[in-house]
């Protein structure tokens, strides 16, 4: 009897990861575009936001990222951590 199943194969999807919106965005203004881009990427990968952990570089970004997700995407939030 086998107790350990074969692990699922992993797909390298890093080539199309969403990046920061770029020039012309201030620190607060880029979060809505980031939320939309990240939600779109998750959809293309077939991954539910509630099953995802998103890492941001500083604790000060946590609230900005969460608020942007709620206002731009809605629904379940990913786990957003530092």
Protein backbone atom coordinates (compact mmCIF):
# COMPACT_ATOMS: atom_id res chain seq x y z
CA UNK A 1 0.00 0.00 0.00
CA UNK A 2 1.35 3.43 -0.98
CA UNK A 3 0.80 6.19 1.55
CA UNK A 4 2.58 9.00 -0.29
CA UNK A 5 1.14 10.20 -3.57
CA UNK A 6 3.30 11.58 -6.34
CA UNK A 7 3.61 15.37 -6.00
CA UNK A 8 1.88 17.42 -8.68
CA UNK A 9 4.13 18.78 -11.37
CA UNK A 10 5.00 22.44 -10.95
CA UNK A 11 4.80 24.92 -13.80
CA UNK A 12 7.26 27.81 -13.96
CA UNK A 13 4.94 30.75 -14.50
CA UNK A 14 7.45 33.36 -13.38
CA UNK A 15 7.91 34.76 -16.89
CA UNK A 16 4.59 36.58 -16.81
CA UNK A 17 4.42 37.61 -13.15
CA UNK A 18 2.91 41.05 -12.69
CA UNK A 19 5.45 43.77 -12.01
CA UNK A 20 5.00 47.14 -10.36
CA UNK A 21 3.00 49.37 -12.74
CA UNK A 22 6.11 51.40 -13.55
CA UNK A 23 7.01 55.01 -14.16
CA UNK A 24 4.46 57.64 -13.36
CA UNK A 25 2.99 55.80 -10.37
CA UNK A 26 3.53 57.06 -6.88
CA UNK A 27 3.77 54.70 -3.93
CA UNK A 28 0.04 54.74 -3.21
CA UNK A 29 -1.24 55.16 -6.75
CA UNK A 30 0.33 51.98 -8.08
CA UNK A 31 -1.53 49.59 -5.80
CA UNK A 32 -4.84 49.50 -7.71
CA UNK A 33 -3.04 48.58 -10.95
CA UNK A 34 -0.97 46.01 -9.05
CA UNK A 35 -4.13 44.41 -7.63
CA UNK A 36 -5.77 44.16 -11.07
CA UNK A 37 -2.60 42.74 -12.65
CA UNK A 38 -2.09 40.22 -9.85
CA UNK A 39 -5.73 39.08 -9.96
CA UNK A 40 -5.46 38.64 -13.73
CA UNK A 41 -2.28 36.61 -13.36
CA UNK A 42 -3.87 34.35 -10.74
CA UNK A 43 -6.87 33.80 -13.02
CA UNK A 44 -4.62 32.87 -15.96
CA UNK A 45 -2.80 30.38 -13.71
CA UNK A 46 -6.08 28.88 -12.48
CA UNK A 47 -5.28 29.71 -8.86
CA UNK A 48 -7.85 31.11 -6.44
CA UNK A 49 -6.81 34.24 -4.57
CA UNK A 50 -7.80 32.67 -1.26
CA UNK A 51 -5.20 29.92 -1.89
CA UNK A 52 -2.40 32.41 -2.52
CA UNK A 53 0.17 34.15 -0.35
CA UNK A 54 1.48 37.47 -1.71
CA UNK A 55 4.66 38.90 -0.23
CA UNK A 56 5.22 42.65 -0.05
CA UNK A 57 8.58 44.13 0.97
CA UNK A 58 7.53 46.32 3.91
CA UNK A 59 4.86 46.19 6.61
CA UNK A 60 3.75 49.67 5.56
CA UNK A 61 2.57 48.14 2.26
CA UNK A 62 0.23 45.61 3.86
CA UNK A 63 -2.73 47.94 4.31
CA UNK A 64 -2.22 49.58 0.90
CA UNK A 65 -2.17 46.20 -0.85
CA UNK A 66 -5.20 44.90 1.02
CA UNK A 67 -7.24 48.06 0.43
CA UNK A 68 -6.36 48.06 -3.26
CA UNK A 69 -7.44 44.43 -3.58
CA UNK A 70 -10.78 45.11 -1.92
CA UNK A 71 -11.52 48.20 -4.00
CA UNK A 72 -10.27 46.89 -7.37
CA UNK A 73 -10.86 43.14 -7.28
CA UNK A 74 -13.23 42.30 -4.43
CA UNK A 75 -14.05 38.78 -3.33
CA UNK A 76 -11.57 36.68 -1.43
CA UNK A 77 -8.27 38.31 -0.62
CA UNK A 78 -5.00 36.48 -0.97
CA UNK A 79 -2.95 36.21 2.17
CA UNK A 80 -0.80 39.35 2.00
CA UNK A 81 2.28 39.21 4.21
CA UNK A 82 5.77 40.68 4.58
